[in-house]
Each structure stands twice: as structure tokens, then as C-alpha cells.
C-alpha atoms as a PDB file:
ATOM      1  CA  MET A   1     -36.375 -14.188  24.910  1.00  0.00           C
ATOM      2  CA  ALA A   2     -35.663 -10.554  26.002  1.00  0.00           C
ATOM      3  CA  ASP A   3     -32.101 -11.537  27.308  1.00  0.00           C
ATOM      4  CA  ASN A   4     -31.285 -13.317  24.002  1.00  0.00           C
ATOM      5  CA  ASN A   5     -32.409 -10.247  21.996  1.00  0.00           C
ATOM      6  CA  GLU A   6     -30.416  -7.771  23.961  1.00  0.00           C
ATOM      7  CA  GLN A   7     -27.357 -10.435  23.547  1.00  0.00           C
ATOM      8  CA  VAL A   8     -27.608 -10.410  19.743  1.00  0.00           C
ATOM      9  CA  GLN A   9     -27.938  -6.558  19.646  1.00  0.00           C
ATOM     10  CA  THR A  10     -24.761  -6.142  21.753  1.00  0.00           C
ATOM     11  CA  GLN A  11     -22.913  -8.684  19.348  1.00  0.00           C
ATOM     12  CA  ASN A  12     -24.252  -6.885  16.213  1.00  0.00           C
ATOM     13  CA  HIS A  13     -22.836  -3.373  17.919  1.00  0.00           C
ATOM     14  CA  VAL A  14     -19.430  -4.768  18.765  1.00  0.00           C
ATOM     15  CA  GLU A  15     -19.015  -6.358  15.179  1.00  0.00           C
ATOM     16  CA  HIS A  16     -19.962  -2.824  13.563  1.00  0.00           C
ATOM     17  CA  THR A  17     -17.596  -0.973  15.845  1.00  0.00           C
ATOM     18  CA  GLU A  18     -14.712  -3.274  15.059  1.00  0.00           C
ATOM     19  CA  LYS A  19     -15.076  -2.786  11.179  1.00  0.00           C
ATOM     20  CA  HIS A  20     -14.695   1.050  11.379  1.00  0.00           C
ATOM     21  CA  PHE A  21     -10.950   1.979  10.428  1.00  0.00           C
ATOM     22  CA  ASP A  22      -9.785   5.641  10.542  1.00  0.00           C
ATOM     23  CA  GLY A  23      -6.046   4.964   9.403  1.00  0.00           C
ATOM     24  CA  PHE A  24      -2.694   5.025  10.907  1.00  0.00           C
ATOM     25  CA  ILE A  25      -1.277   7.394  13.651  1.00  0.00           C
ATOM     26  CA  ALA A  26       2.043   9.042  12.516  1.00  0.00           C
ATOM     27  CA  GLU A  27       4.187  11.569  14.293  1.00  0.00           C
ATOM     28  CA  ILE A  28       5.999  14.257  12.238  1.00  0.00           C
ATOM     29  CA  VAL A  29       9.869  13.965  13.073  1.00  0.00           C
ATOM     30  CA  ASP A  30      11.139  16.571  10.129  1.00  0.00           C
ATOM     31  CA  ILE A  31       9.792  19.331   7.865  1.00  0.00           C
ATOM     32  CA  VAL A  32      11.796  18.725   4.407  1.00  0.00           C
ATOM     33  CA  GLY A  33      10.379  21.772   2.740  1.00  0.00           C
ATOM     34  CA  ARG A  34       7.317  23.434   0.689  1.00  0.00           C
ATOM     35  CA  THR A  35       5.934  21.953  -2.238  1.00  0.00           C
ATOM     36  CA  GLY A  36       3.118  22.668  -4.980  1.00  0.00           C
ATOM     37  CA  ILE A  37       2.683  25.181  -7.374  1.00  0.00           C
ATOM     38  CA  TYR A  38       2.284  28.176  -4.727  1.00  0.00           C
ATOM     39  CA  GLY A  39       4.126  26.506  -1.726  1.00  0.00           C
ATOM     40  CA  GLU A  40       0.778  25.512  -0.123  1.00  0.00           C
ATOM     41  CA  ALA A  41       1.997  22.031   0.996  1.00  0.00           C
ATOM     42  CA  LEU A  42       4.637  20.907   3.213  1.00  0.00           C
ATOM     43  CA  GLN A  43       6.737  17.791   2.505  1.00  0.00           C
ATOM     44  CA  ILE A  44       7.421  15.911   5.861  1.00  0.00           C
ATOM     45  CA  MET A  45       8.860  12.977   7.281  1.00  0.00           C
ATOM     46  CA  CYS A  46       6.687  11.119   9.551  1.00  0.00           C
ATOM     47  CA  LYS A  47       7.235   8.006  11.570  1.00  0.00           C
ATOM     48  CA  ILE A  48       4.482   5.577  11.592  1.00  0.00           C
ATOM     49  CA  LEU A  49       3.458   4.513  15.203  1.00  0.00           C
ATOM     50  CA  GLU A  50       0.982   1.931  14.681  1.00  0.00           C
ATOM     51  CA  GLY A  51       0.237  -1.187  12.241  1.00  0.00           C
ATOM     52  CA  ASN A  52       2.620  -3.562  10.187  1.00  0.00           C
ATOM     53  CA  ASP A  53       4.768  -0.618   9.397  1.00  0.00           C
ATOM     54  CA  LYS A  54       5.317   0.656  13.093  1.00  0.00           C
ATOM     55  CA  GLY A  55       8.711   2.531  13.325  1.00  0.00           C
ATOM     56  CA  ARG A  56       8.931   2.946   9.785  1.00  0.00           C
ATOM     57  CA  VAL A  57       9.773   6.751   8.694  1.00  0.00           C
ATOM     58  CA  ILE A  58       8.093   7.804   5.237  1.00  0.00           C
ATOM     59  CA  ARG A  59       8.101  11.171   3.362  1.00  0.00           C
ATOM     60  CA  ARG A  60       4.508  12.534   2.752  1.00  0.00           C
ATOM     61  CA  ASN A  61       2.800  15.739   1.615  1.00  0.00           C
ATOM     62  CA  ALA A  62       0.718  17.576   4.073  1.00  0.00           C
ATOM     63  CA  VAL A  63      -1.707  20.918   3.809  1.00  0.00           C
ATOM     64  CA  GLY A  64      -2.104  22.915   6.776  1.00  0.00           C
ATOM     65  CA  ARG A  65      -0.098  24.182   9.929  1.00  0.00           C
ATOM     66  CA  GLU A  66       2.037  21.291  10.555  1.00  0.00           C
ATOM     67  CA  LYS A  67       5.041  21.309  13.207  1.00  0.00           C
ATOM     68  CA  ILE A  68       7.514  18.748  14.467  1.00  0.00           C
ATOM     69  CA  GLY A  69       6.241  16.335  17.076  1.00  0.00           C
ATOM     70  CA  ASP A  70       2.318  16.835  15.821  1.00  0.00           C
ATOM     71  CA  LYS A  71       0.416  13.347  15.362  1.00  0.00           C
ATOM     72  CA  ILE A  72      -1.459  12.868  11.978  1.00  0.00           C
ATOM     73  CA  ARG A  73      -3.484  10.396  10.788  1.00  0.00           C
ATOM     74  CA  LEU A  74      -2.663   8.547   7.615  1.00  0.00           C
ATOM     75  CA  PRO A  75      -5.169   6.699   5.166  1.00  0.00           C
ATOM     76  CA  ASP A  76      -2.387   4.164   4.362  1.00  0.00           C
ATOM     77  CA  THR A  77       1.150   3.684   4.781  1.00  0.00           C
ATOM     78  CA  THR A  78       2.372   2.224   1.395  1.00  0.00           C
ATOM     79  CA  ARG A  79       2.450   5.571  -0.562  1.00  0.00           C
ATOM     80  CA  GLU A  80       5.426   7.548  -0.205  1.00  0.00           C
ATOM     81  CA  MET A  81       6.153  11.011  -1.865  1.00  0.00           C
ATOM     82  CA  LYS A  82       9.329  11.720  -4.274  1.00  0.00           C
ATOM     83  CA  GLN A  83      12.080  13.954  -2.828  1.00  0.00           C
ATOM     84  CA  ILE A  84      11.725  17.502  -3.567  1.00  0.00           C
ATOM     85  CA  LYS A  85      14.433  18.465  -6.206  1.00  0.00           C
ATOM     86  CA  ALA A  86      15.828  22.111  -6.908  1.00  0.00           C
ATOM     87  CA  LYS A  87      15.738  23.214 -10.337  1.00  0.00           C
END
């Protein structure tokens, strides 16, 4: 009975950990420029390293100290930002 109970607990633990999702890993390949009202955000080009869109390069906005070669975690790969246009 105890072995069966332990086996059920380990199966529940495995199922619980498999459902946890943190996003997709991407690598910054280019920094396009600054965006935002005060220039607080960077527009970057990043290459998706995992998932269905592996190898795809998309444009995203990022806040913080980012540099080429950094790896970031994206919640999804479907959103892509518009290109910065000079006025």
C-alpha cells in the first residue's frame, strides 16, 4: 500500500512540473535603436533558440541593459514590434 501511494505521489509531481512553462529562449543578434517617450527601451532583433519558431529572427522591445549575445526569455514568439521610423 505504501509503495502504491509513493508511486502516485511521484506521478503527480512529474505531471505538475511538466505543466510549468516559462517561455522561449532567444539570443539578441542586433540592437536597432532606442524607443519610448524618453528612450528608456531598446528595440532589438532576437533569434529564437527553441520551440516551433526555432531559428526565426524577430524584432522586440526590451527594457534594461541588453547587449548583443545576451540570452533572454520571451513569453511568446508571435508578437513582433514595428520598425522605428525617423520623423
